[in-house]
Amino acid sequence: MFNKWKITVFGLIVFAVLITGCGQTQSVTTTTPPTETPDLVATEVAVKKAAAATLTAEAPSATATSTAEAPPAAIEPTIAAQPTDTQRPENTPSPTATTPRCTIVANSLNLRNGPAVIFDPPRQTLPQNSILLPVARTADSSWIQVQTESDGDTGWISAEPQFVTCNININDLPLGDVPPTPTNTPPPPKRVRVPVGGGQSNLQGQIAIPNFTEAELFGDGDTVTFKDRLVFQVEVFDPTANRGNDDGAGIKKVVITIFNPNGDKVHERTEQHAGYCVFGGGEPDCNVFDLQANTHWPDTGLPIDDGFHSVQIIITTDSGYTEQWNWGFAIERR
């Protein structure tokens, strides 16, 4: 009986084992094996490395990134300069430089050592149309220092427009070195003025005789008498021209004609600038004719006679009006 029980128990154990083994086989076949727990630290390191590699490959350099991210600088448009009224268009040729020049327009003009008539005697007397190189000026621009083109002589001339014209503005010249005033300064020149007769109506003026006294000219008589030198000038202006009372205002030209005691025309002079001198000059000195050194008149060659000489003065204004004055003087050579 005991052995039978032992066999029964053994059989149950074997059956249980078999049942258990079959259950395990079925479990392996149908059950998904458990997932292995990942290493979190290794995974995080790998992710960071991958991200770093991606950034290195895709991101531009620091300079490029900074440049790309910075806002673009404002660019101001360039506006072409517009030409002003004083600008010369590019296709206009540049003006040719002009050499400064002055030209004597009076019949003659004295070149002096300084800017005044007290610098006497003159260095030389320059004829009409003489070409001069302007060098300097006085403070008031009434005199200019020049160099003659003909011989290179340097001196001073009056800058009055009736004597000289220049192709530059003389005020642009530098100030010149004015020499000291001569110590033996002569007294101011004397000038006697006498009226003219016959025909004077619309114009105003007189005869002016420089560097004489009334006693030298008239003596005991009432006639102007020249003995050793002859000089006079016509002072005239046109009051209807509304240019003031300055000598030469409104006057175009003055013709002075001298007739000897026989009525022969011995001398004639045409003056077109104020300071209408019978023998030219007038800046302000008129040229003087020496009666002692000369025996004949300069332009006609006729002999110089003593006695009364008549003078005819024909004046033409800028408007075309003509007026004749008459005057006279005597010659008594010593």
Foldseek 3Di string as FASTA:
>chain_A
DVVVVVVVVVVVVVVVVVVVVVVVVVCVVPPDPDDDDDDVVVVVVVVVVVVVVVCVVPPDDPVVVVVVPDDDDDDDDDDDDDDDPPDDDPPDDDDDDDQKKKFFQFQKWFFFAFADPQRPDGPDIGGGGWIWHWAAAAPVRQKTWTATPPPRDIGITGPPPLTMDIPDDRVPHHHDDGDDRDPCRDDPKDKDWDAFDDWDDQKDWTKIDIRDDPCQQAPPHDFGEDAFKDKIFIFIEGVVLVPDRHGPHQWQKKKKWKAPPVRHTQAIDITGGGCGMRQIYPSDDGDMGTPVVDQGRDPPRHGDDFFKMKMWMWTAGPVGDITITIDIHTYHYD
